[in-house]
Every structure is written in structure tokens, then in C-alpha cells.
Amino acid sequence: MLNGKRVLLVEDEALVAMLVEDMLADEGCEVAATASRLGEALSMASDPSLRFDIAILDVNLAGEPVFAVAEVLEKRGVPFAFATGYGAGGLPDDWKIRPTLQKPFTAADVHAVLERIVSQG
């Protein structure tokens, strides 16, 4: 179900991004693009020429919340999950229903969340 899925990865920590990219590759996914700052992520999420099936969004991008990107993806109908050290409990009420990867996470956690968002998408 995950093989061939293209992922928009929004993560401001380079080492975490590389780790997630490896985990995604192990799942047969392809990283369509990686953004590390809010403006960059908004641009990518809004770009109709950038093709991706799902997204993983770090909640805090260098001190800026990622929720504007989540709103763009929601309007586009792109399934996504949040990644945060605080878990779903650290999200605003409007976003708590979204799948969440609690940092630090394992490859099994990533697999489970990807399966969930793909099946919901």
C-alpha cells in the first residue's frame, strides 16, 4: 500500500529528516521534497506542479508552527501526519484528530502512521 507513494517531508532538523527519509525509502516511498522552514513548506504544499501523495509535518519549524501548511494540505485533500515531541496532546484541539508521530519515533511508528494516513486518504 505504501510502495511508490510520494511524500512531502517537512522537518527542520537535518539529522531527523535524513533518518525519516531512510525510513520512508525502506517503506518503498519516495521523498518528493523536503522543507525545513515554514515559507519553503508553504510554497511546496501550495505548488500544484509538485506531486506528492502524503506528507509528514514537524509541528515546530525553527520556532514557527506548521499549521498553515496543514491547512493548505487539508484544502488540497492531501493526507498528512504531524511529528512532534509532545504527541497529539501538544496539538491545538482542531488538529488532535490527525495522526501524530511522537518523537522520538521508530521505523515501526512511521510505518503505522503511513498506513493509517494512506487508508484514510
PDB file of N, CA and C in Angstrom:
ATOM      1  N   MET A   1       0.814  -1.192   0.000  1.00  0.00           N
ATOM      2  CA  MET A   1       0.000   0.000   0.000  1.00  0.00           C
ATOM      3  C   MET A   1       0.866   1.268   0.000  1.00  0.00           C
ATOM      4  N   LEU A   2       2.079   1.183   0.541  1.00  0.00           N
ATOM      5  CA  LEU A   2       2.948   2.356   0.622  1.00  0.00           C
ATOM      6  C   LEU A   2       3.917   2.460  -0.543  1.00  0.00           C
ATOM      7  N   ASN A   3       4.179   1.347  -1.212  1.00  0.00           N
ATOM      8  CA  ASN A   3       5.165   1.320  -2.280  1.00  0.00           C
ATOM      9  C   ASN A   3       4.816   2.329  -3.371  1.00  0.00           C
ATOM     10  N   GLY A   4       5.759   3.200  -3.667  1.00  0.00           N
ATOM     11  CA  GLY A   4       5.561   4.185  -4.719  1.00  0.00           C
ATOM     12  C   GLY A   4       4.915   5.484  -4.268  1.00  0.00           C
ATOM     13  N   LYS A   5       4.509   5.573  -3.022  1.00  0.00           N
ATOM     14  CA  LYS A   5       3.900   6.811  -2.526  1.00  0.00           C
ATOM     15  C   LYS A   5       4.963   7.898  -2.462  1.00  0.00           C
ATOM     16  N   ARG A   6       4.570   9.098  -2.877  1.00  0.00           N
ATOM     17  CA  ARG A   6       5.466  10.253  -2.841  1.00  0.00           C
ATOM     18  C   ARG A   6       5.116  11.090  -1.615  1.00  0.00           C
ATOM     19  N   VAL A   7       6.162  11.484  -0.871  1.00  0.00           N
ATOM     20  CA  VAL A   7       5.974  12.129   0.423  1.00  0.00           C
ATOM     21  C   VAL A   7       6.597  13.521   0.439  1.00  0.00           C
ATOM     22  N   LEU A   8       5.827  14.484   0.951  1.00  0.00           N
ATOM     23  CA  LEU A   8       6.372  15.790   1.280  1.00  0.00           C
ATOM     24  C   LEU A   8       6.799  15.712   2.739  1.00  0.00           C
ATOM     25  N   LEU A   9       8.074  15.911   2.997  1.00  0.00           N
ATOM     26  CA  LEU A   9       8.610  15.848   4.348  1.00  0.00           C
ATOM     27  C   LEU A   9       8.959  17.257   4.804  1.00  0.00           C
ATOM     28  N   VAL A  10       8.354  17.679   5.905  1.00  0.00           N
ATOM     29  CA  VAL A  10       8.605  19.000   6.476  1.00  0.00           C
ATOM     30  C   VAL A  10       9.242  18.780   7.842  1.00  0.00           C
ATOM     31  N   GLU A  11      10.543  19.049   7.927  1.00  0.00           N
ATOM     32  CA  GLU A  11      11.314  18.778   9.150  1.00  0.00           C
ATOM     33  C   GLU A  11      12.500  19.730   9.190  1.00  0.00           C
ATOM     34  N   ASP A  12      12.667  20.438  10.310  1.00  0.00           N
ATOM     35  CA  ASP A  12      13.735  21.432  10.383  1.00  0.00           C
ATOM     36  C   ASP A  12      15.065  20.898  10.917  1.00  0.00           C
ATOM     37  N   GLU A  13      15.078  19.704  11.466  1.00  0.00           N
ATOM     38  CA  GLU A  13      16.328  19.103  11.957  1.00  0.00           C
ATOM     39  C   GLU A  13      16.884  18.183  10.873  1.00  0.00           C
ATOM     40  N   ALA A  14      18.061  18.528  10.353  1.00  0.00           N
ATOM     41  CA  ALA A  14      18.629  17.788   9.225  1.00  0.00           C
ATOM     42  C   ALA A  14      18.821  16.305   9.530  1.00  0.00           C
ATOM     43  N   LEU A  15      19.307  15.975  10.712  1.00  0.00           N
ATOM     44  CA  LEU A  15      19.530  14.560  11.044  1.00  0.00           C
ATOM     45  C   LEU A  15      18.214  13.794  11.134  1.00  0.00           C
ATOM     46  N   VAL A  16      17.197  14.419  11.692  1.00  0.00           N
ATOM     47  CA  VAL A  16      15.880  13.773  11.762  1.00  0.00           C
ATOM     48  C   VAL A  16      15.333  13.583  10.352  1.00  0.00           C
ATOM     49  N   ALA A  17      15.475  14.593   9.515  1.00  0.00           N
ATOM     50  CA  ALA A  17      14.996  14.484   8.131  1.00  0.00           C
ATOM     51  C   ALA A  17      15.678  13.330   7.407  1.00  0.00           C
ATOM     52  N   MET A  18      16.994  13.199   7.575  1.00  0.00           N
ATOM     53  CA  MET A  18      17.704  12.099   6.921  1.00  0.00           C
ATOM     54  C   MET A  18      17.228  10.744   7.444  1.00  0.00           C
ATOM     55  N   LEU A  19      17.001  10.651   8.738  1.00  0.00           N
ATOM     56  CA  LEU A  19      16.505   9.412   9.334  1.00  0.00           C
ATOM     57  C   LEU A  19      15.130   9.061   8.766  1.00  0.00           C
ATOM     58  N   VAL A  20      14.241  10.037   8.699  1.00  0.00           N
ATOM     59  CA  VAL A  20      12.902   9.790   8.169  1.00  0.00           C
ATOM     60  C   VAL A  20      12.974   9.430   6.687  1.00  0.00           C
ATOM     61  N   GLU A  21      13.830  10.099   5.936  1.00  0.00           N
ATOM     62  CA  GLU A  21      13.993   9.753   4.519  1.00  0.00           C
ATOM     63  C   GLU A  21      14.396   8.294   4.359  1.00  0.00           C
ATOM     64  N   ASP A  22      15.313   7.817   5.196  1.00  0.00           N
ATOM     65  CA  ASP A  22      15.720   6.409   5.160  1.00  0.00           C
ATOM     66  C   ASP A  22      14.549   5.489   5.503  1.00  0.00           C
ATOM     67  N   MET A  23      13.784   5.864   6.525  1.00  0.00           N
ATOM     68  CA  MET A  23      12.620   5.060   6.911  1.00  0.00           C
ATOM     69  C   MET A  23      11.597   5.009   5.784  1.00  0.00           C
ATOM     70  N   LEU A  24      11.386   6.146   5.119  1.00  0.00           N
ATOM     71  CA  LEU A  24      10.440   6.183   4.005  1.00  0.00           C
ATOM     72  C   LEU A  24      10.922   5.317   2.853  1.00  0.00           C
ATOM     73  N   ALA A  25      12.213   5.370   2.561  1.00  0.00           N
ATOM     74  CA  ALA A  25      12.778   4.534   1.492  1.00  0.00           C
ATOM     75  C   ALA A  25      12.586   3.053   1.814  1.00  0.00           C
ATOM     76  N   ASP A  26      12.765   2.693   3.081  1.00  0.00           N
ATOM     77  CA  ASP A  26      12.568   1.303   3.491  1.00  0.00           C
ATOM     78  C   ASP A  26      11.120   0.854   3.289  1.00  0.00           C
ATOM     79  N   GLU A  27      10.196   1.808   3.302  1.00  0.00           N
ATOM     80  CA  GLU A  27       8.773   1.504   3.092  1.00  0.00           C
ATOM     81  C   GLU A  27       8.398   1.508   1.614  1.00  0.00           C
ATOM     82  N   GLY A  28       9.363   1.826   0.769  1.00  0.00           N
ATOM     83  CA  GLY A  28       9.091   1.886  -0.666  1.00  0.00           C
ATOM     84  C   GLY A  28       8.553   3.228  -1.113  1.00  0.00           C
ATOM     85  N   CYS A  29       8.630   4.217  -0.241  1.00  0.00           N
ATOM     86  CA  CYS A  29       8.169   5.566  -0.568  1.00  0.00           C
ATOM     87  C   CYS A  29       9.302   6.372  -1.187  1.00  0.00           C
ATOM     88  N   GLU A  30       8.914   7.421  -1.873  1.00  0.00           N
ATOM     89  CA  GLU A  30       9.876   8.343  -2.455  1.00  0.00           C
ATOM     90  C   GLU A  30       9.634   9.720  -1.843  1.00  0.00           C
ATOM     91  N   VAL A  31      10.687  10.383  -1.417  1.00  0.00           N
ATOM     92  CA  VAL A  31      10.545  11.735  -0.890  1.00  0.00           C
ATOM     93  C   VAL A  31      10.451  12.678  -2.090  1.00  0.00           C
ATOM     94  N   ALA A  32       9.288  13.300  -2.244  1.00  0.00           N
ATOM     95  CA  ALA A  32       9.070  14.225  -3.359  1.00  0.00           C
ATOM     96  C   ALA A  32       9.805  15.533  -3.124  1.00  0.00           C
ATOM     97  N   ALA A  33       9.837  15.960  -1.854  1.00  0.00           N
ATOM     98  CA  ALA A  33      10.514  17.202  -1.486  1.00  0.00           C
ATOM     99  C   ALA A  33      10.653  17.250   0.029  1.00  0.00           C
ATOM    100  N   THR A  34      11.664  17.996   0.473  1.00  0.00           N
ATOM    101  CA  THR A  34      11.877  18.213   1.901  1.00  0.00           C
ATOM    102  C   THR A  34      11.968  19.711   2.141  1.00  0.00           C
ATOM    103  N   ALA A  35      11.224  20.187   3.131  1.00  0.00           N
ATOM    104  CA  ALA A  35      11.264  21.594   3.517  1.00  0.00           C
ATOM    105  C   ALA A  35      11.690  21.681   4.968  1.00  0.00           C
ATOM    106  N   SER A  36      12.497  22.698   5.270  1.00  0.00           N
ATOM    107  CA  SER A  36      12.951  22.857   6.643  1.00  0.00           C
ATOM    108  C   SER A  36      12.478  24.164   7.284  1.00  0.00           C
ATOM    109  N   ARG A  37      11.852  25.014   6.515  1.00  0.00           N
ATOM    110  CA  ARG A  37      11.352  26.293   7.026  1.00  0.00           C
ATOM    111  C   ARG A  37       9.894  26.488   6.594  1.00  0.00           C
ATOM    112  N   LEU A  38       9.169  27.283   7.349  1.00  0.00           N
ATOM    113  CA  LEU A  38       7.740  27.458   7.113  1.00  0.00           C
ATOM    114  C   LEU A  38       7.442  28.001   5.723  1.00  0.00           C
ATOM    115  N   GLY A  39       8.127  29.046   5.309  1.00  0.00           N
ATOM    116  CA  GLY A  39       7.860  29.626   3.989  1.00  0.00           C
ATOM    117  C   GLY A  39       8.090  28.633   2.867  1.00  0.00           C
ATOM    118  N   GLU A  40       9.170  27.898   2.974  1.00  0.00           N
ATOM    119  CA  GLU A  40       9.505  26.869   1.993  1.00  0.00           C
ATOM    120  C   GLU A  40       8.422  25.782   1.978  1.00  0.00           C
ATOM    121  N   ALA A  41       7.981  25.364   3.150  1.00  0.00           N
ATOM    122  CA  ALA A  41       6.949  24.328   3.256  1.00  0.00           C
ATOM    123  C   ALA A  41       5.626  24.806   2.678  1.00  0.00           C
ATOM    124  N   LEU A  42       5.259  26.054   2.958  1.00  0.00           N
ATOM    125  CA  LEU A  42       4.021  26.612   2.394  1.00  0.00           C
ATOM    126  C   LEU A  42       4.078  26.657   0.876  1.00  0.00           C
ATOM    127  N   SER A  43       5.218  27.066   0.348  1.00  0.00           N
ATOM    128  CA  SER A  43       5.394  27.126  -1.097  1.00  0.00           C
ATOM    129  C   SER A  43       5.253  25.745  -1.729  1.00  0.00           C
ATOM    130  N   MET A  44       5.897  24.758  -1.133  1.00  0.00           N
ATOM    131  CA  MET A  44       5.830  23.395  -1.668  1.00  0.00           C
ATOM    132  C   MET A  44       4.418  22.820  -1.550  1.00  0.00           C
ATOM    133  N   ALA A  45       3.789  23.025  -0.408  1.00  0.00           N
ATOM    134  CA  ALA A  45       2.440  22.483  -0.190  1.00  0.00           C
ATOM    135  C   ALA A  45       1.434  23.097  -1.156  1.00  0.00           C
ATOM    136  N   SER A  46       1.674  24.337  -1.564  1.00  0.00           N
ATOM    137  CA  SER A  46       0.749  25.062  -2.450  1.00  0.00           C
ATOM    138  C   SER A  46       1.030  24.856  -3.927  1.00  0.00           C
ATOM    139  N   ASP A  47       2.169  24.284  -4.254  1.00  0.00           N
ATOM    140  CA  ASP A  47       2.617  24.161  -5.643  1.00  0.00           C
ATOM    141  C   ASP A  47       1.917  22.992  -6.343  1.00  0.00           C
ATOM    142  N   PRO A  48       1.004  23.279  -7.265  1.00  0.00           N
ATOM    143  CA  PRO A  48       0.297  22.187  -7.945  1.00  0.00           C
ATOM    144  C   PRO A  48       1.204  21.332  -8.830  1.00  0.00           C
ATOM    145  N   SER A  49       2.366  21.845  -9.191  1.00  0.00           N
ATOM    146  CA  SER A  49       3.263  21.053 -10.035  1.00  0.00           C
ATOM    147  C   SER A  49       4.111  20.069  -9.223  1.00  0.00           C
ATOM    148  N   LEU A  50       4.158  20.247  -7.904  1.00  0.00           N
ATOM    149  CA  LEU A  50       4.893  19.323  -7.044  1.00  0.00           C
ATOM    150  C   LEU A  50       3.938  18.194  -6.656  1.00  0.00           C
ATOM    151  N   ARG A  51       4.211  17.018  -7.177  1.00  0.00           N
ATOM    152  CA  ARG A  51       3.308  15.882  -6.963  1.00  0.00           C
ATOM    153  C   ARG A  51       3.746  15.079  -5.749  1.00  0.00           C
ATOM    154  N   PHE A  52       2.828  14.962  -4.771  1.00  0.00           N
ATOM    155  CA  PHE A  52       3.059  14.100  -3.620  1.00  0.00           C
ATOM    156  C   PHE A  52       1.715  13.572  -3.136  1.00  0.00           C
ATOM    157  N   ASP A  53       1.758  12.396  -2.508  1.00  0.00           N
ATOM    158  CA  ASP A  53       0.538  11.710  -2.084  1.00  0.00           C
ATOM    159  C   ASP A  53       0.203  11.935  -0.618  1.00  0.00           C
ATOM    160  N   ILE A  54       1.234  12.089   0.201  1.00  0.00           N
ATOM    161  CA  ILE A  54       1.077  12.232   1.642  1.00  0.00           C
ATOM    162  C   ILE A  54       2.167  13.166   2.168  1.00  0.00           C
ATOM    163  N   ALA A  55       2.010  13.606   3.412  1.00  0.00           N
ATOM    164  CA  ALA A  55       3.011  14.496   3.998  1.00  0.00           C
ATOM    165  C   ALA A  55       3.217  14.174   5.471  1.00  0.00           C
ATOM    166  N   ILE A  56       4.428  14.451   5.926  1.00  0.00           N
ATOM    167  CA  ILE A  56       4.759  14.373   7.350  1.00  0.00           C
ATOM    168  C   ILE A  56       5.242  15.761   7.738  1.00  0.00           C
ATOM    169  N   LEU A  57       4.592  16.351   8.748  1.00  0.00           N
ATOM    170  CA  LEU A  57       4.858  17.730   9.134  1.00  0.00           C
ATOM    171  C   LEU A  57       5.390  17.819  10.559  1.00  0.00           C
ATOM    172  N   ASP A  58       6.605  18.293  10.699  1.00  0.00           N
ATOM    173  CA  ASP A  58       7.137  18.630  12.015  1.00  0.00           C
ATOM    174  C   ASP A  58       6.320  19.829  12.509  1.00  0.00           C
ATOM    175  N   VAL A  59       5.791  19.744  13.721  1.00  0.00           N
ATOM    176  CA  VAL A  59       4.899  20.779  14.238  1.00  0.00           C
ATOM    177  C   VAL A  59       5.613  22.113  14.435  1.00  0.00           C
ATOM    178  N   ASN A  60       6.872  22.065  14.827  1.00  0.00           N
ATOM    179  CA  ASN A  60       7.604  23.284  15.149  1.00  0.00           C
ATOM    180  C   ASN A  60       8.785  23.426  14.198  1.00  0.00           C
ATOM    181  N   LEU A  61       8.724  24.417  13.325  1.00  0.00           N
ATOM    182  CA  LEU A  61       9.791  24.653  12.349  1.00  0.00           C
ATOM    183  C   LEU A  61      10.580  25.886  12.774  1.00  0.00           C
ATOM    184  N   ALA A  62      11.687  25.662  13.437  1.00  0.00           N
ATOM    185  CA  ALA A  62      12.539  26.759  13.904  1.00  0.00           C
ATOM    186  C   ALA A  62      11.716  27.791  14.676  1.00  0.00           C
ATOM    187  N   GLY A  63      10.824  27.306  15.529  1.00  0.00           N
ATOM    188  CA  GLY A  63      10.020  28.181  16.369  1.00  0.00           C
ATOM    189  C   GLY A  63       8.703  28.626  15.761  1.00  0.00           C
ATOM    190  N   GLU A  64       8.437  28.239  14.514  1.00  0.00           N
ATOM    191  CA  GLU A  64       7.185  28.619  13.863  1.00  0.00           C
ATOM    192  C   GLU A  64       6.276  27.395  13.737  1.00  0.00           C
ATOM    193  N   PRO A  65       4.999  27.515  14.120  1.00  0.00           N
ATOM    194  CA  PRO A  65       4.076  26.384  13.989  1.00  0.00           C
ATOM    195  C   PRO A  65       3.757  26.093  12.528  1.00  0.00           C
ATOM    196  N   VAL A  66       3.544  24.831  12.238  1.00  0.00           N
ATOM    197  CA  VAL A  66       3.362  24.360  10.869  1.00  0.00           C
ATOM    198  C   VAL A  66       1.891  24.331  10.426  1.00  0.00           C
ATOM    199  N   PHE A  67       0.989  24.812  11.253  1.00  0.00           N
ATOM    200  CA  PHE A  67      -0.431  24.620  10.994  1.00  0.00           C
ATOM    201  C   PHE A  67      -0.936  25.290   9.709  1.00  0.00           C
ATOM    202  N   ALA A  68      -0.287  26.344   9.245  1.00  0.00           N
ATOM    203  CA  ALA A  68      -0.674  26.953   7.968  1.00  0.00           C
ATOM    204  C   ALA A  68      -0.444  25.969   6.819  1.00  0.00           C
ATOM    205  N   VAL A  69       0.608  25.175   6.913  1.00  0.00           N
ATOM    206  CA  VAL A  69       0.879  24.150   5.902  1.00  0.00           C
ATOM    207  C   VAL A  69      -0.189  23.068   5.984  1.00  0.00           C
ATOM    208  N   ALA A  70      -0.547  22.681   7.193  1.00  0.00           N
ATOM    209  CA  ALA A  70      -1.596  21.676   7.382  1.00  0.00           C
ATOM    210  C   ALA A  70      -2.915  22.141   6.760  1.00  0.00           C
ATOM    211  N   GLU A  71      -3.220  23.418   6.903  1.00  0.00           N
ATOM    212  CA  GLU A  71      -4.453  23.955   6.311  1.00  0.00           C
ATOM    213  C   GLU A  71      -4.433  23.858   4.796  1.00  0.00           C
ATOM    214  N   VAL A  72      -3.294  24.161   4.187  1.00  0.00           N
ATOM    215  CA  VAL A  72      -3.159  24.055   2.728  1.00  0.00           C
ATOM    216  C   VAL A  72      -3.363  22.605   2.291  1.00  0.00           C
ATOM    217  N   LEU A  73      -2.710  21.682   2.992  1.00  0.00           N
ATOM    218  CA  LEU A  73      -2.835  20.270   2.633  1.00  0.00           C
ATOM    219  C   LEU A  73      -4.263  19.773   2.817  1.00  0.00           C
ATOM    220  N   GLU A  74      -4.897  20.211   3.882  1.00  0.00           N
ATOM    221  CA  GLU A  74      -6.281  19.810   4.126  1.00  0.00           C
ATOM    222  C   GLU A  74      -7.184  20.285   2.984  1.00  0.00           C
ATOM    223  N   LYS A  75      -7.008  21.515   2.543  1.00  0.00           N
ATOM    224  CA  LYS A  75      -7.805  22.057   1.432  1.00  0.00           C
ATOM    225  C   LYS A  75      -7.546  21.304   0.137  1.00  0.00           C
ATOM    226  N   ARG A  76      -6.304  20.837  -0.030  1.00  0.00           N
ATOM    227  CA  ARG A  76      -5.954  20.073  -1.238  1.00  0.00           C
ATOM    228  C   ARG A  76      -6.359  18.609  -1.140  1.00  0.00           C
ATOM    229  N   GLY A  77      -6.774  18.187   0.049  1.00  0.00           N
ATOM    230  CA  GLY A  77      -7.165  16.789   0.235  1.00  0.00           C
ATOM    231  C   GLY A  77      -5.990  15.841   0.352  1.00  0.00           C
ATOM    232  N   VAL A  78      -4.830  16.357   0.753  1.00  0.00           N
ATOM    233  CA  VAL A  78      -3.622  15.533   0.904  1.00  0.00           C
ATOM    234  C   VAL A  78      -3.557  15.016   2.341  1.00  0.00           C
ATOM    235  N   PRO A  79      -3.543  13.715   2.536  1.00  0.00           N
ATOM    236  CA  PRO A  79      -3.426  13.178   3.891  1.00  0.00           C
ATOM    237  C   PRO A  79      -2.048  13.457   4.480  1.00  0.00           C
ATOM    238  N   PHE A  80      -2.021  13.726   5.784  1.00  0.00           N
ATOM    239  CA  PHE A  80      -0.753  14.048   6.432  1.00  0.00           C
ATOM    240  C   PHE A  80      -0.781  13.626   7.891  1.00  0.00           C
ATOM    241  N   ALA A  81       0.422  13.590   8.459  1.00  0.00           N
ATOM    242  CA  ALA A  81       0.591  13.324   9.887  1.00  0.00           C
ATOM    243  C   ALA A  81       1.519  14.384  10.451  1.00  0.00           C
ATOM    244  N   PHE A  82       1.304  14.687  11.710  1.00  0.00           N
ATOM    245  CA  PHE A  82       2.204  15.591  12.421  1.00  0.00           C
ATOM    246  C   PHE A  82       3.306  14.781  13.088  1.00  0.00           C
ATOM    247  N   ALA A  83       4.461  15.403  13.277  1.00  0.00           N
ATOM    248  CA  ALA A  83       5.565  14.820  14.052  1.00  0.00           C
ATOM    249  C   ALA A  83       5.921  15.838  15.130  1.00  0.00           C
ATOM    250  N   THR A  84       5.923  15.381  16.387  1.00  0.00           N
ATOM    251  CA  THR A  84       6.190  16.291  17.488  1.00  0.00           C
ATOM    252  C   THR A  84       6.670  15.532  18.716  1.00  0.00           C
ATOM    253  N   GLY A  85       7.464  16.183  19.513  1.00  0.00           N
ATOM    254  CA  GLY A  85       7.915  15.589  20.765  1.00  0.00           C
ATOM    255  C   GLY A  85       6.833  15.577  21.835  1.00  0.00           C
ATOM    256  N   TYR A  86       5.753  16.293  21.597  1.00  0.00           N
ATOM    257  CA  TYR A  86       4.689  16.402  22.587  1.00  0.00           C
ATOM    258  C   TYR A  86       3.520  15.455  22.336  1.00  0.00           C
ATOM    259  N   GLY A  87       3.544  14.740  21.210  1.00  0.00           N
ATOM    260  CA  GLY A  87       2.442  13.848  20.882  1.00  0.00           C
ATOM    261  C   GLY A  87       1.188  14.629  20.554  1.00  0.00           C
ATOM    262  N   ALA A  88       0.078  13.926  20.348  1.00  0.00           N
ATOM    263  CA  ALA A  88      -1.182  14.565  19.982  1.00  0.00           C
ATOM    264  C   ALA A  88      -1.658  15.526  21.064  1.00  0.00           C
ATOM    265  N   GLY A  89      -1.296  15.262  22.316  1.00  0.00           N
ATOM    266  CA  GLY A  89      -1.708  16.132  23.411  1.00  0.00           C
ATOM    267  C   GLY A  89      -1.142  17.530  23.305  1.00  0.00           C
ATOM    268  N   GLY A  90      -0.076  17.696  22.560  1.00  0.00           N
ATOM    269  CA  GLY A  90       0.535  19.002  22.395  1.00  0.00           C
ATOM    270  C   GLY A  90      -0.016  19.798  21.222  1.00  0.00           C
ATOM    271  N   LEU A  91      -0.983  19.224  20.512  1.00  0.00           N
ATOM    272  CA  LEU A  91      -1.571  19.899  19.353  1.00  0.00           C
ATOM    273  C   LEU A  91      -2.780  20.727  19.769  1.00  0.00           C
ATOM    274  N   PRO A  92      -3.069  21.800  19.023  1.00  0.00           N
ATOM    275  CA  PRO A  92      -4.315  22.526  19.266  1.00  0.00           C
ATOM    276  C   PRO A  92      -5.510  21.595  19.046  1.00  0.00           C
ATOM    277  N   ASP A  93      -6.604  21.866  19.712  1.00  0.00           N
ATOM    278  CA  ASP A  93      -7.781  20.989  19.653  1.00  0.00           C
ATOM    279  C   ASP A  93      -8.209  20.656  18.228  1.00  0.00           C
ATOM    280  N   ASP A  94      -8.156  21.629  17.319  1.00  0.00           N
ATOM    281  CA  ASP A  94      -8.596  21.407  15.935  1.00  0.00           C
ATOM    282  C   ASP A  94      -7.774  20.354  15.202  1.00  0.00           C
ATOM    283  N   TRP A  95      -6.571  20.100  15.670  1.00  0.00           N
ATOM    284  CA  TRP A  95      -5.668  19.188  14.969  1.00  0.00           C
ATOM    285  C   TRP A  95      -5.431  17.876  15.708  1.00  0.00           C
ATOM    286  N   LYS A  96      -5.980  17.706  16.884  1.00  0.00           N
ATOM    287  CA  LYS A  96      -5.710  16.500  17.689  1.00  0.00           C
ATOM    288  C   LYS A  96      -6.191  15.208  17.049  1.00  0.00           C
ATOM    289  N   ILE A  97      -7.124  15.298  16.126  1.00  0.00           N
ATOM    290  CA  ILE A  97      -7.645  14.084  15.477  1.00  0.00           C
ATOM    291  C   ILE A  97      -6.695  13.554  14.401  1.00  0.00           C
ATOM    292  N   ARG A  98      -5.735  14.368  14.000  1.00  0.00           N
ATOM    293  CA  ARG A  98      -4.801  13.949  12.952  1.00  0.00           C
ATOM    294  C   ARG A  98      -3.793  12.936  13.492  1.00  0.00           C
ATOM    295  N   PRO A  99      -3.376  12.012  12.646  1.00  0.00           N
ATOM    296  CA  PRO A  99      -2.330  11.070  13.061  1.00  0.00           C
ATOM    297  C   PRO A  99      -1.070  11.825  13.471  1.00  0.00           C
ATOM    298  N   THR A 100      -0.423  11.321  14.516  1.00  0.00           N
ATOM    299  CA  THR A 100       0.741  12.005  15.062  1.00  0.00           C
ATOM    300  C   THR A 100       1.858  11.014  15.355  1.00  0.00           C
ATOM    301  N   LEU A 101       3.045  11.374  14.928  1.00  0.00           N
ATOM    302  CA  LEU A 101       4.261  10.638  15.283  1.00  0.00           C
ATOM    303  C   LEU A 101       4.876  11.343  16.475  1.00  0.00           C
ATOM    304  N   GLN A 102       4.987  10.652  17.592  1.00  0.00           N
ATOM    305  CA  GLN A 102       5.617  11.265  18.752  1.00  0.00           C
ATOM    306  C   GLN A 102       7.109  10.996  18.704  1.00  0.00           C
ATOM    307  N   LYS A 103       7.894  12.078  18.716  1.00  0.00           N
ATOM    308  CA  LYS A 103       9.351  11.957  18.707  1.00  0.00           C
ATOM    309  C   LYS A 103       9.828  11.563  20.097  1.00  0.00           C
ATOM    310  N   PRO A 104      10.856  10.742  20.209  1.00  0.00           N
ATOM    311  CA  PRO A 104      11.499  10.017  19.112  1.00  0.00           C
ATOM    312  C   PRO A 104      10.611   8.854  18.661  1.00  0.00           C
ATOM    313  N   PHE A 105      10.624   8.583  17.377  1.00  0.00           N
ATOM    314  CA  PHE A 105       9.804   7.502  16.851  1.00  0.00           C
ATOM    315  C   PHE A 105      10.679   6.464  16.164  1.00  0.00           C
ATOM    316  N   THR A 106      10.097   5.298  15.971  1.00  0.00           N
ATOM    317  CA  THR A 106      10.798   4.179  15.339  1.00  0.00           C
ATOM    318  C   THR A 106      10.289   3.980  13.917  1.00  0.00           C
ATOM    319  N   ALA A 107      10.963   3.117  13.181  1.00  0.00           N
ATOM    320  CA  ALA A 107      10.508   2.770  11.838  1.00  0.00           C
ATOM    321  C   ALA A 107       9.121   2.146  11.890  1.00  0.00           C
ATOM    322  N   ALA A 108       8.840   1.366  12.925  1.00  0.00           N
ATOM    323  CA  ALA A 108       7.505   0.765  13.075  1.00  0.00           C
ATOM    324  C   ALA A 108       6.446   1.840  13.294  1.00  0.00           C
ATOM    325  N   ASP A 109       6.788   2.886  14.040  1.00  0.00           N
ATOM    326  CA  ASP A 109       5.852   4.004  14.243  1.00  0.00           C
ATOM    327  C   ASP A 109       5.545   4.699  12.921  1.00  0.00           C
ATOM    328  N   VAL A 110       6.592   4.939  12.137  1.00  0.00           N
ATOM    329  CA  VAL A 110       6.415   5.591  10.839  1.00  0.00           C
ATOM    330  C   VAL A 110       5.541   4.725   9.940  1.00  0.00           C
ATOM    331  N   HIS A 111       5.817   3.432   9.917  1.00  0.00           N
ATOM    332  CA  HIS A 111       5.023   2.507   9.109  1.00  0.00           C
ATOM    333  C   HIS A 111       3.542   2.578   9.506  1.00  0.00           C
ATOM    334  N   ALA A 112       3.270   2.503  10.806  1.00  0.00           N
ATOM    335  CA  ALA A 112       1.884   2.511  11.287  1.00  0.00           C
ATOM    336  C   ALA A 112       1.167   3.812  10.912  1.00  0.00           C
ATOM    337  N   VAL A 113       1.839   4.933  11.069  1.00  0.00           N
ATOM    338  CA  VAL A 113       1.205   6.216  10.744  1.00  0.00           C
ATOM    339  C   VAL A 113       1.004   6.346   9.233  1.00  0.00           C
ATOM    340  N   LEU A 114       1.976   5.921   8.447  1.00  0.00           N
ATOM    341  CA  LEU A 114       1.812   5.978   6.995  1.00  0.00           C
ATOM    342  C   LEU A 114       0.634   5.114   6.535  1.00  0.00           C
ATOM    343  N   GLU A 115       0.548   3.909   7.067  1.00  0.00           N
ATOM    344  CA  GLU A 115      -0.577   3.026   6.728  1.00  0.00           C
ATOM    345  C   GLU A 115      -1.912   3.684   7.077  1.00  0.00           C
ATOM    346  N   ARG A 116      -1.932   4.332   8.237  1.00  0.00           N
ATOM    347  CA  ARG A 116      -3.174   4.997   8.678  1.00  0.00           C
ATOM    348  C   ARG A 116      -3.558   6.142   7.755  1.00  0.00           C
ATOM    349  N   ILE A 117      -2.596   7.010   7.418  1.00  0.00           N
ATOM    350  CA  ILE A 117      -2.976   8.157   6.586  1.00  0.00           C
ATOM    351  C   ILE A 117      -3.277   7.747   5.151  1.00  0.00           C
ATOM    352  N   VAL A 118      -2.624   6.717   4.657  1.00  0.00           N
ATOM    353  CA  VAL A 118      -2.931   6.244   3.305  1.00  0.00           C
ATOM    354  C   VAL A 118      -4.330   5.629   3.260  1.00  0.00           C
ATOM    355  N   SER A 119      -4.683   4.883   4.288  1.00  0.00           N
ATOM    356  CA  SER A 119      -6.018   4.258   4.299  1.00  0.00           C
ATOM    357  C   SER A 119      -7.117   5.283   4.502  1.00  0.00           C
ATOM    358  N   GLN A 120      -6.805   6.412   5.152  1.00  0.00           N
ATOM    359  CA  GLN A 120      -7.799   7.469   5.349  1.00  0.00           C
ATOM    360  C   GLN A 120      -7.913   8.375   4.129  1.00  0.00           C
ATOM    361  N   GLY A 121      -6.807   8.440   3.367  1.00  0.00           N
ATOM    362  CA  GLY A 121      -6.742   9.384   2.249  1.00  0.00           C
ATOM    363  C   GLY A 121      -7.687   9.073   1.168  1.00  0.00           C
TER     364      GLY A 121
END
